[in-house]
Amino acid sequence: YWILRTFTRLRKVDAATVAGYYGSDSAGTFVTCVGVL
């Protein structure tokens, strides 16, 4: 959230939502990594 508010033009509400996405994780990326390993 701090990076998005400092370096992008996003509205505060959009920055907060995007920050929430990146503060979570991705099941799709995880399963892909499991497959690669």
PDB file of all heavy atoms in Angstrom:
ATOM      1  N   TYR A   1       0.838  -1.211   0.000  1.00  0.00           N
ATOM      2  CA  TYR A   1       0.000   0.000   0.000  1.00  0.00           C
ATOM      3  C   TYR A   1       0.868   1.255   0.000  1.00  0.00           C
ATOM      4  O   TYR A   1       0.601   2.202  -0.746  1.00  0.00           O
ATOM      5  CB  TYR A   1      -0.933   0.003   1.215  1.00  0.00           C
ATOM      6  CG  TYR A   1      -1.783   1.243   1.317  1.00  0.00           C
ATOM      7  CD1 TYR A   1      -2.828   1.466   0.430  1.00  0.00           C
ATOM      8  CD2 TYR A   1      -1.536   2.199   2.291  1.00  0.00           C
ATOM      9  CE1 TYR A   1      -3.610   2.619   0.510  1.00  0.00           C
ATOM     10  CE2 TYR A   1      -2.310   3.357   2.383  1.00  0.00           C
ATOM     11  CZ  TYR A   1      -3.344   3.546   1.490  1.00  0.00           C
ATOM     12  OH  TYR A   1      -4.102   4.691   1.576  1.00  0.00           O
ATOM     13  N   TRP A   2       1.921   1.271   0.818  1.00  0.00           N
ATOM     14  CA  TRP A   2       2.805   2.431   0.868  1.00  0.00           C
ATOM     15  C   TRP A   2       3.491   2.657  -0.479  1.00  0.00           C
ATOM     16  O   TRP A   2       3.570   3.795  -0.969  1.00  0.00           O
ATOM     17  CB  TRP A   2       3.855   2.243   1.966  1.00  0.00           C
ATOM     18  CG  TRP A   2       4.840   3.378   2.017  1.00  0.00           C
ATOM     19  CD1 TRP A   2       4.689   4.582   2.629  1.00  0.00           C
ATOM     20  CD2 TRP A   2       6.142   3.402   1.400  1.00  0.00           C
ATOM     21  NE1 TRP A   2       5.793   5.369   2.443  1.00  0.00           N
ATOM     22  CE2 TRP A   2       6.708   4.681   1.693  1.00  0.00           C
ATOM     23  CE3 TRP A   2       6.873   2.487   0.654  1.00  0.00           C
ATOM     24  CZ2 TRP A   2       7.979   5.033   1.248  1.00  0.00           C
ATOM     25  CZ3 TRP A   2       8.135   2.848   0.202  1.00  0.00           C
ATOM     26  CH2 TRP A   2       8.673   4.100   0.503  1.00  0.00           C
ATOM     27  N   ILE A   3       3.945   1.586  -1.109  1.00  0.00           N
ATOM     28  CA  ILE A   3       4.615   1.715  -2.415  1.00  0.00           C
ATOM     29  C   ILE A   3       3.647   2.235  -3.470  1.00  0.00           C
ATOM     30  O   ILE A   3       3.979   3.134  -4.257  1.00  0.00           O
ATOM     31  CB  ILE A   3       5.201   0.352  -2.846  1.00  0.00           C
ATOM     32  CG1 ILE A   3       6.323  -0.072  -1.901  1.00  0.00           C
ATOM     33  CG2 ILE A   3       5.721   0.416  -4.279  1.00  0.00           C
ATOM     34  CD1 ILE A   3       6.839  -1.478  -2.153  1.00  0.00           C
ATOM     35  N   LEU A   4       2.446   1.689  -3.486  1.00  0.00           N
ATOM     36  CA  LEU A   4       1.455   2.111  -4.480  1.00  0.00           C
ATOM     37  C   LEU A   4       1.054   3.566  -4.293  1.00  0.00           C
ATOM     38  O   LEU A   4       0.878   4.306  -5.269  1.00  0.00           O
ATOM     39  CB  LEU A   4       0.222   1.204  -4.394  1.00  0.00           C
ATOM     40  CG  LEU A   4       0.420  -0.227  -4.904  1.00  0.00           C
ATOM     41  CD1 LEU A   4      -0.718  -1.121  -4.448  1.00  0.00           C
ATOM     42  CD2 LEU A   4       0.532  -0.240  -6.432  1.00  0.00           C
ATOM     43  N   ARG A   5       0.903   4.005  -3.061  1.00  0.00           N
ATOM     44  CA  ARG A   5       0.534   5.393  -2.798  1.00  0.00           C
ATOM     45  C   ARG A   5       1.686   6.344  -3.111  1.00  0.00           C
ATOM     46  O   ARG A   5       1.467   7.505  -3.464  1.00  0.00           O
ATOM     47  CB  ARG A   5       0.113   5.558  -1.331  1.00  0.00           C
ATOM     48  CG  ARG A   5      -1.221   4.949  -0.999  1.00  0.00           C
ATOM     49  CD  ARG A   5      -2.350   5.626  -1.749  1.00  0.00           C
ATOM     50  NE  ARG A   5      -2.393   7.059  -1.458  1.00  0.00           N
ATOM     51  CZ  ARG A   5      -2.837   7.986  -2.309  1.00  0.00           C
ATOM     52  NH1 ARG A   5      -3.252   7.633  -3.512  1.00  0.00           N
ATOM     53  NH2 ARG A   5      -2.858   9.258  -1.961  1.00  0.00           N
ATOM     54  N   THR A   6       2.919   5.866  -2.987  1.00  0.00           N
ATOM     55  CA  THR A   6       4.085   6.727  -3.191  1.00  0.00           C
ATOM     56  C   THR A   6       4.476   6.832  -4.658  1.00  0.00           C
ATOM     57  O   THR A   6       4.855   7.920  -5.127  1.00  0.00           O
ATOM     58  CB  THR A   6       5.289   6.202  -2.378  1.00  0.00           C
ATOM     59  OG1 THR A   6       4.922   6.098  -0.997  1.00  0.00           O
ATOM     60  CG2 THR A   6       6.490   7.137  -2.510  1.00  0.00           C
ATOM     61  N   PHE A   7       4.359   5.732  -5.398  1.00  0.00           N
ATOM     62  CA  PHE A   7       4.940   5.707  -6.739  1.00  0.00           C
ATOM     63  C   PHE A   7       3.921   5.555  -7.868  1.00  0.00           C
ATOM     64  O   PHE A   7       4.321   5.538  -9.042  1.00  0.00           O
ATOM     65  CB  PHE A   7       5.966   4.567  -6.832  1.00  0.00           C
ATOM     66  CG  PHE A   7       7.125   4.724  -5.903  1.00  0.00           C
ATOM     67  CD1 PHE A   7       7.200   3.981  -4.732  1.00  0.00           C
ATOM     68  CD2 PHE A   7       8.138   5.631  -6.174  1.00  0.00           C
ATOM     69  CE1 PHE A   7       8.266   4.112  -3.867  1.00  0.00           C
ATOM     70  CE2 PHE A   7       9.212   5.782  -5.318  1.00  0.00           C
ATOM     71  CZ  PHE A   7       9.280   5.025  -4.154  1.00  0.00           C
ATOM     72  N   THR A   8       2.635   5.417  -7.584  1.00  0.00           N
ATOM     73  CA  THR A   8       1.646   5.287  -8.651  1.00  0.00           C
ATOM     74  C   THR A   8       0.563   6.351  -8.510  1.00  0.00           C
ATOM     75  O   THR A   8       0.507   7.067  -7.515  1.00  0.00           O
ATOM     76  CB  THR A   8       0.984   3.892  -8.642  1.00  0.00           C
ATOM     77  OG1 THR A   8       0.096   3.794  -7.515  1.00  0.00           O
ATOM     78  CG2 THR A   8       2.022   2.788  -8.560  1.00  0.00           C
ATOM     79  N   ARG A   9      -0.301   6.404  -9.513  1.00  0.00           N
ATOM     80  CA  ARG A   9      -1.386   7.388  -9.526  1.00  0.00           C
ATOM     81  C   ARG A   9      -2.727   6.800  -9.095  1.00  0.00           C
ATOM     82  O   ARG A   9      -3.773   7.399  -9.323  1.00  0.00           O
ATOM     83  CB  ARG A   9      -1.531   7.978 -10.939  1.00  0.00           C
ATOM     84  CG  ARG A   9      -0.283   8.682 -11.456  1.00  0.00           C
ATOM     85  CD  ARG A   9      -0.459   9.113 -12.896  1.00  0.00           C
ATOM     86  NE  ARG A   9      -0.630   7.952 -13.778  1.00  0.00           N
ATOM     87  CZ  ARG A   9      -0.901   8.055 -15.084  1.00  0.00           C
ATOM     88  NH1 ARG A   9      -1.048   9.234 -15.633  1.00  0.00           N
ATOM     89  NH2 ARG A   9      -1.037   6.962 -15.814  1.00  0.00           N
ATOM     90  N   LEU A  10      -2.710   5.640  -8.480  1.00  0.00           N
ATOM     91  CA  LEU A  10      -3.953   4.988  -8.078  1.00  0.00           C
ATOM     92  C   LEU A  10      -4.678   5.781  -6.994  1.00  0.00           C
ATOM     93  O   LEU A  10      -4.045   6.431  -6.147  1.00  0.00           O
ATOM     94  CB  LEU A  10      -3.673   3.585  -7.543  1.00  0.00           C
ATOM     95  CG  LEU A  10      -3.143   2.526  -8.516  1.00  0.00           C
ATOM     96  CD1 LEU A  10      -3.000   1.200  -7.797  1.00  0.00           C
ATOM     97  CD2 LEU A  10      -4.057   2.383  -9.722  1.00  0.00           C
ATOM     98  N   ARG A  11      -5.994   5.699  -7.017  1.00  0.00           N
ATOM     99  CA  ARG A  11      -6.782   6.232  -5.904  1.00  0.00           C
ATOM    100  C   ARG A  11      -6.463   5.436  -4.647  1.00  0.00           C
ATOM    101  O   ARG A  11      -5.996   4.291  -4.718  1.00  0.00           O
ATOM    102  CB  ARG A  11      -8.282   6.119  -6.205  1.00  0.00           C
ATOM    103  CG  ARG A  11      -8.758   6.855  -7.428  1.00  0.00           C
ATOM    104  CD  ARG A  11     -10.273   6.695  -7.578  1.00  0.00           C
ATOM    105  NE  ARG A  11     -10.679   5.298  -7.598  1.00  0.00           N
ATOM    106  CZ  ARG A  11     -11.924   4.877  -7.417  1.00  0.00           C
ATOM    107  NH1 ARG A  11     -12.891   5.751  -7.175  1.00  0.00           N
ATOM    108  NH2 ARG A  11     -12.206   3.590  -7.450  1.00  0.00           N
ATOM    109  N   LYS A  12      -6.735   6.036  -3.496  1.00  0.00           N
ATOM    110  CA  LYS A  12      -6.429   5.360  -2.237  1.00  0.00           C
ATOM    111  C   LYS A  12      -7.168   4.035  -2.122  1.00  0.00           C
ATOM    112  O   LYS A  12      -6.605   3.030  -1.674  1.00  0.00           O
ATOM    113  CB  LYS A  12      -6.779   6.267  -1.051  1.00  0.00           C
ATOM    114  CG  LYS A  12      -5.807   7.418  -0.844  1.00  0.00           C
ATOM    115  CD  LYS A  12      -6.147   8.187   0.431  1.00  0.00           C
ATOM    116  CE  LYS A  12      -5.129   9.289   0.680  1.00  0.00           C
ATOM    117  NZ  LYS A  12      -5.420  10.041   1.931  1.00  0.00           N
ATOM    118  N   VAL A  13      -8.443   4.008  -2.523  1.00  0.00           N
ATOM    119  CA  VAL A  13      -9.231   2.785  -2.383  1.00  0.00           C
ATOM    120  C   VAL A  13      -8.696   1.694  -3.300  1.00  0.00           C
ATOM    121  O   VAL A  13      -8.653   0.512  -2.935  1.00  0.00           O
ATOM    122  CB  VAL A  13     -10.730   3.061  -2.649  1.00  0.00           C
ATOM    123  CG1 VAL A  13     -10.982   3.428  -4.111  1.00  0.00           C
ATOM    124  CG2 VAL A  13     -11.572   1.855  -2.246  1.00  0.00           C
ATOM    125  N   ASP A  14      -8.252   2.063  -4.513  1.00  0.00           N
ATOM    126  CA  ASP A  14      -7.684   1.078  -5.425  1.00  0.00           C
ATOM    127  C   ASP A  14      -6.324   0.589  -4.929  1.00  0.00           C
ATOM    128  O   ASP A  14      -5.998  -0.594  -5.048  1.00  0.00           O
ATOM    129  CB  ASP A  14      -7.561   1.666  -6.830  1.00  0.00           C
ATOM    130  CG  ASP A  14      -8.914   1.925  -7.474  1.00  0.00           C
ATOM    131  OD1 ASP A  14      -9.841   1.134  -7.219  1.00  0.00           O
ATOM    132  OD2 ASP A  14      -9.051   2.909  -8.218  1.00  0.00           O
ATOM    133  N   ALA A  15      -5.527   1.512  -4.370  1.00  0.00           N
ATOM    134  CA  ALA A  15      -4.235   1.118  -3.812  1.00  0.00           C
ATOM    135  C   ALA A  15      -4.420   0.144  -2.660  1.00  0.00           C
ATOM    136  O   ALA A  15      -3.681  -0.843  -2.529  1.00  0.00           O
ATOM    137  CB  ALA A  15      -3.457   2.352  -3.351  1.00  0.00           C
ATOM    138  N   ALA A  16      -5.414   0.387  -1.813  1.00  0.00           N
ATOM    139  CA  ALA A  16      -5.684  -0.503  -0.687  1.00  0.00           C
ATOM    140  C   ALA A  16      -6.128  -1.882  -1.171  1.00  0.00           C
ATOM    141  O   ALA A  16      -5.713  -2.917  -0.628  1.00  0.00           O
ATOM    142  CB  ALA A  16      -6.747   0.103   0.218  1.00  0.00           C
ATOM    143  N   THR A  17      -6.964  -1.901  -2.200  1.00  0.00           N
ATOM    144  CA  THR A  17      -7.451  -3.185  -2.722  1.00  0.00           C
ATOM    145  C   THR A  17      -6.326  -3.977  -3.368  1.00  0.00           C
ATOM    146  O   THR A  17      -6.184  -5.181  -3.130  1.00  0.00           O
ATOM    147  CB  THR A  17      -8.570  -2.939  -3.750  1.00  0.00           C
ATOM    148  OG1 THR A  17      -9.581  -2.112  -3.159  1.00  0.00           O
ATOM    149  CG2 THR A  17      -9.198  -4.243  -4.186  1.00  0.00           C
ATOM    150  N   VAL A  18      -5.512  -3.312  -4.184  1.00  0.00           N
ATOM    151  CA  VAL A  18      -4.379  -3.988  -4.825  1.00  0.00           C
ATOM    152  C   VAL A  18      -3.405  -4.493  -3.761  1.00  0.00           C
ATOM    153  O   VAL A  18      -2.880  -5.607  -3.853  1.00  0.00           O
ATOM    154  CB  VAL A  18      -3.672  -3.049  -5.814  1.00  0.00           C
ATOM    155  CG1 VAL A  18      -2.399  -3.696  -6.348  1.00  0.00           C
ATOM    156  CG2 VAL A  18      -4.593  -2.694  -6.971  1.00  0.00           C
ATOM    157  N   ALA A  19      -3.165  -3.683  -2.730  1.00  0.00           N
ATOM    158  CA  ALA A  19      -2.282  -4.102  -1.639  1.00  0.00           C
ATOM    159  C   ALA A  19      -2.816  -5.356  -0.965  1.00  0.00           C
ATOM    160  O   ALA A  19      -2.055  -6.252  -0.579  1.00  0.00           O
ATOM    161  CB  ALA A  19      -2.135  -2.978  -0.622  1.00  0.00           C
ATOM    162  N   GLY A  20      -4.143  -5.448  -0.828  1.00  0.00           N
ATOM    163  CA  GLY A  20      -4.746  -6.650  -0.264  1.00  0.00           C
ATOM    164  C   GLY A  20      -4.478  -7.876  -1.120  1.00  0.00           C
ATOM    165  O   GLY A  20      -4.202  -8.961  -0.603  1.00  0.00           O
ATOM    166  N   TYR A  21      -4.550  -7.716  -2.439  1.00  0.00           N
ATOM    167  CA  TYR A  21      -4.252  -8.825  -3.347  1.00  0.00           C
ATOM    168  C   TYR A  21      -2.824  -9.323  -3.134  1.00  0.00           C
ATOM    169  O   TYR A  21      -2.573 -10.531  -3.116  1.00  0.00           O
ATOM    170  CB  TYR A  21      -4.420  -8.366  -4.794  1.00  0.00           C
ATOM    171  CG  TYR A  21      -5.836  -8.409  -5.317  1.00  0.00           C
ATOM    172  CD1 TYR A  21      -6.852  -7.654  -4.745  1.00  0.00           C
ATOM    173  CD2 TYR A  21      -6.177  -9.200  -6.403  1.00  0.00           C
ATOM    174  CE1 TYR A  21      -8.145  -7.676  -5.221  1.00  0.00           C
ATOM    175  CE2 TYR A  21      -7.476  -9.240  -6.904  1.00  0.00           C
ATOM    176  CZ  TYR A  21      -8.458  -8.474  -6.297  1.00  0.00           C
ATOM    177  OH  TYR A  21      -9.751  -8.510  -6.776  1.00  0.00           O
ATOM    178  N   TYR A  22      -1.874  -8.377  -2.986  1.00  0.00           N
ATOM    179  CA  TYR A  22      -0.461  -8.762  -2.852  1.00  0.00           C
ATOM    180  C   TYR A  22      -0.118  -9.203  -1.428  1.00  0.00           C
ATOM    181  O   TYR A  22       0.890  -9.880  -1.223  1.00  0.00           O
ATOM    182  CB  TYR A  22       0.444  -7.607  -3.297  1.00  0.00           C
ATOM    183  CG  TYR A  22       0.545  -7.529  -4.803  1.00  0.00           C
ATOM    184  CD1 TYR A  22      -0.445  -6.880  -5.543  1.00  0.00           C
ATOM    185  CD2 TYR A  22       1.581  -8.139  -5.483  1.00  0.00           C
ATOM    186  CE1 TYR A  22      -0.385  -6.827  -6.928  1.00  0.00           C
ATOM    187  CE2 TYR A  22       1.651  -8.100  -6.870  1.00  0.00           C
ATOM    188  CZ  TYR A  22       0.662  -7.441  -7.586  1.00  0.00           C
ATOM    189  OH  TYR A  22       0.723  -7.419  -8.961  1.00  0.00           O
ATOM    190  N   GLY A  23      -0.940  -8.838  -0.454  1.00  0.00           N
ATOM    191  CA  GLY A  23      -0.749  -9.337   0.899  1.00  0.00           C
ATOM    192  C   GLY A  23      -1.336 -10.711   1.105  1.00  0.00           C
ATOM    193  O   GLY A  23      -1.183 -11.310   2.169  1.00  0.00           O
ATOM    194  N   SER A  24      -2.000 -11.217   0.074  1.00  0.00           N
ATOM    195  CA  SER A  24      -2.529 -12.576   0.102  1.00  0.00           C
ATOM    196  C   SER A  24      -1.591 -13.473  -0.708  1.00  0.00           C
ATOM    197  O   SER A  24      -0.439 -13.128  -0.932  1.00  0.00           O
ATOM    198  CB  SER A  24      -3.953 -12.577  -0.460  1.00  0.00           C
ATOM    199  OG  SER A  24      -4.533 -13.848  -0.390  1.00  0.00           O
ATOM    200  N   ASP A  25      -2.056 -14.618  -1.161  1.00  0.00           N
ATOM    201  CA  ASP A  25      -1.230 -15.485  -1.994  1.00  0.00           C
ATOM    202  C   ASP A  25      -2.057 -16.040  -3.138  1.00  0.00           C
ATOM    203  O   ASP A  25      -3.241 -15.726  -3.268  1.00  0.00           O
ATOM    204  CB  ASP A  25      -0.605 -16.615  -1.168  1.00  0.00           C
ATOM    205  CG  ASP A  25      -1.641 -17.436  -0.410  1.00  0.00           C
ATOM    206  OD1 ASP A  25      -2.741 -17.649  -0.948  1.00  0.00           O
ATOM    207  OD2 ASP A  25      -1.368 -17.862   0.723  1.00  0.00           O
ATOM    208  N   SER A  26      -1.426 -16.831  -3.976  1.00  0.00           N
ATOM    209  CA  SER A  26      -2.070 -17.329  -5.188  1.00  0.00           C
ATOM    210  C   SER A  26      -1.995 -18.849  -5.233  1.00  0.00           C
ATOM    211  O   SER A  26      -0.898 -19.424  -5.292  1.00  0.00           O
ATOM    212  CB  SER A  26      -1.381 -16.740  -6.422  1.00  0.00           C
ATOM    213  OG  SER A  26      -1.714 -17.459  -7.596  1.00  0.00           O
ATOM    214  N   ALA A  27      -3.151 -19.488  -5.199  1.00  0.00           N
ATOM    215  CA  ALA A  27      -3.189 -20.950  -5.280  1.00  0.00           C
ATOM    216  C   ALA A  27      -2.658 -21.434  -6.626  1.00  0.00           C
ATOM    217  O   ALA A  27      -1.969 -22.456  -6.707  1.00  0.00           O
ATOM    218  CB  ALA A  27      -4.610 -21.454  -5.071  1.00  0.00           C
ATOM    219  N   GLY A  28      -2.951 -20.691  -7.696  1.00  0.00           N
ATOM    220  CA  GLY A  28      -2.483 -21.076  -9.019  1.00  0.00           C
ATOM    221  C   GLY A  28      -0.972 -21.055  -9.126  1.00  0.00           C
ATOM    222  O   GLY A  28      -0.357 -21.967  -9.693  1.00  0.00           O
ATOM    223  N   THR A  29      -0.347 -20.009  -8.587  1.00  0.00           N
ATOM    224  CA  THR A  29       1.120 -19.929  -8.608  1.00  0.00           C
ATOM    225  C   THR A  29       1.717 -21.019  -7.726  1.00  0.00           C
ATOM    226  O   THR A  29       2.752 -21.611  -8.066  1.00  0.00           O
ATOM    227  CB  THR A  29       1.584 -18.543  -8.118  1.00  0.00           C
ATOM    228  OG1 THR A  29       0.838 -17.527  -8.801  1.00  0.00           O
ATOM    229  CG2 THR A  29       3.051 -18.340  -8.394  1.00  0.00           C
ATOM    230  N   PHE A  30       1.080 -21.278  -6.601  1.00  0.00           N
ATOM    231  CA  PHE A  30       1.572 -22.317  -5.688  1.00  0.00           C
ATOM    232  C   PHE A  30       1.568 -23.686  -6.352  1.00  0.00           C
ATOM    233  O   PHE A  30       2.565 -24.415  -6.297  1.00  0.00           O
ATOM    234  CB  PHE A  30       0.721 -22.323  -4.421  1.00  0.00           C
ATOM    235  CG  PHE A  30       1.200 -23.274  -3.361  1.00  0.00           C
ATOM    236  CD1 PHE A  30       2.132 -22.873  -2.419  1.00  0.00           C
ATOM    237  CD2 PHE A  30       0.721 -24.574  -3.290  1.00  0.00           C
ATOM    238  CE1 PHE A  30       2.586 -23.737  -1.435  1.00  0.00           C
ATOM    239  CE2 PHE A  30       1.156 -25.448  -2.312  1.00  0.00           C
ATOM    240  CZ  PHE A  30       2.091 -25.029  -1.383  1.00  0.00           C
ATOM    241  N   VAL A  31       0.447 -24.034  -6.982  1.00  0.00           N
ATOM    242  CA  VAL A  31       0.366 -25.366  -7.599  1.00  0.00           C
ATOM    243  C   VAL A  31       1.333 -25.468  -8.774  1.00  0.00           C
ATOM    244  O   VAL A  31       1.887 -26.550  -9.043  1.00  0.00           O
ATOM    245  CB  VAL A  31      -1.073 -25.705  -8.048  1.00  0.00           C
ATOM    246  CG1 VAL A  31      -2.009 -25.758  -6.865  1.00  0.00           C
ATOM    247  CG2 VAL A  31      -1.584 -24.739  -9.088  1.00  0.00           C
ATOM    248  N   THR A  32       1.550 -24.369  -9.488  1.00  0.00           N
ATOM    249  CA  THR A  32       2.526 -24.382 -10.577  1.00  0.00           C
ATOM    250  C   THR A  32       3.925 -24.624 -10.033  1.00  0.00           C
ATOM    251  O   THR A  32       4.707 -25.405 -10.595  1.00  0.00           O
ATOM    252  CB  THR A  32       2.497 -23.064 -11.351  1.00  0.00           C
ATOM    253  OG1 THR A  32       1.170 -22.816 -11.832  1.00  0.00           O
ATOM    254  CG2 THR A  32       3.453 -23.110 -12.538  1.00  0.00           C
ATOM    255  N   CYS A  33       4.245 -23.956  -8.926  1.00  0.00           N
ATOM    256  CA  CYS A  33       5.554 -24.144  -8.297  1.00  0.00           C
ATOM    257  C   CYS A  33       5.718 -25.584  -7.806  1.00  0.00           C
ATOM    258  O   CYS A  33       6.797 -26.176  -7.959  1.00  0.00           O
ATOM    259  CB  CYS A  33       5.740 -23.160  -7.139  1.00  0.00           C
ATOM    260  SG  CYS A  33       7.392 -23.129  -6.437  1.00  0.00           S
ATOM    261  N   VAL A  34       4.666 -26.142  -7.235  1.00  0.00           N
ATOM    262  CA  VAL A  34       4.711 -27.544  -6.806  1.00  0.00           C
ATOM    263  C   VAL A  34       5.014 -28.454  -7.999  1.00  0.00           C
ATOM    264  O   VAL A  34       5.821 -29.382  -7.913  1.00  0.00           O
ATOM    265  CB  VAL A  34       3.377 -27.951  -6.141  1.00  0.00           C
ATOM    266  CG1 VAL A  34       3.299 -29.465  -5.964  1.00  0.00           C
ATOM    267  CG2 VAL A  34       3.224 -27.265  -4.793  1.00  0.00           C
ATOM    268  N   GLY A  35       4.361 -28.159  -9.136  1.00  0.00           N
ATOM    269  CA  GLY A  35       4.601 -28.950 -10.334  1.00  0.00           C
ATOM    270  C   GLY A  35       6.034 -28.835 -10.823  1.00  0.00           C
ATOM    271  O   GLY A  35       6.648 -29.830 -11.230  1.00  0.00           O
ATOM    272  N   VAL A  36       6.591 -27.628 -10.797  1.00  0.00           N
ATOM    273  CA  VAL A  36       7.978 -27.408 -11.229  1.00  0.00           C
ATOM    274  C   VAL A  36       8.947 -28.139 -10.302  1.00  0.00           C
ATOM    275  O   VAL A  36       9.894 -28.794 -10.753  1.00  0.00           O
ATOM    276  CB  VAL A  36       8.299 -25.902 -11.277  1.00  0.00           C
ATOM    277  CG1 VAL A  36       9.792 -25.670 -11.490  1.00  0.00           C
ATOM    278  CG2 VAL A  36       7.497 -25.223 -12.387  1.00  0.00           C
ATOM    279  N   LEU A  37       8.711 -28.042  -8.996  1.00  0.00           N
ATOM    280  CA  LEU A  37       9.585 -28.710  -8.033  1.00  0.00           C
ATOM    281  C   LEU A  37       9.526 -30.224  -8.192  1.00  0.00           C
ATOM    282  O   LEU A  37      10.557 -30.907  -8.122  1.00  0.00           O
ATOM    283  CB  LEU A  37       9.193 -28.314  -6.605  1.00  0.00           C
ATOM    284  CG  LEU A  37       9.379 -26.834  -6.223  1.00  0.00           C
ATOM    285  CD1 LEU A  37       8.856 -26.575  -4.817  1.00  0.00           C
ATOM    286  CD2 LEU A  37      10.835 -26.417  -6.329  1.00  0.00           C
TER     287      LEU A  37
END
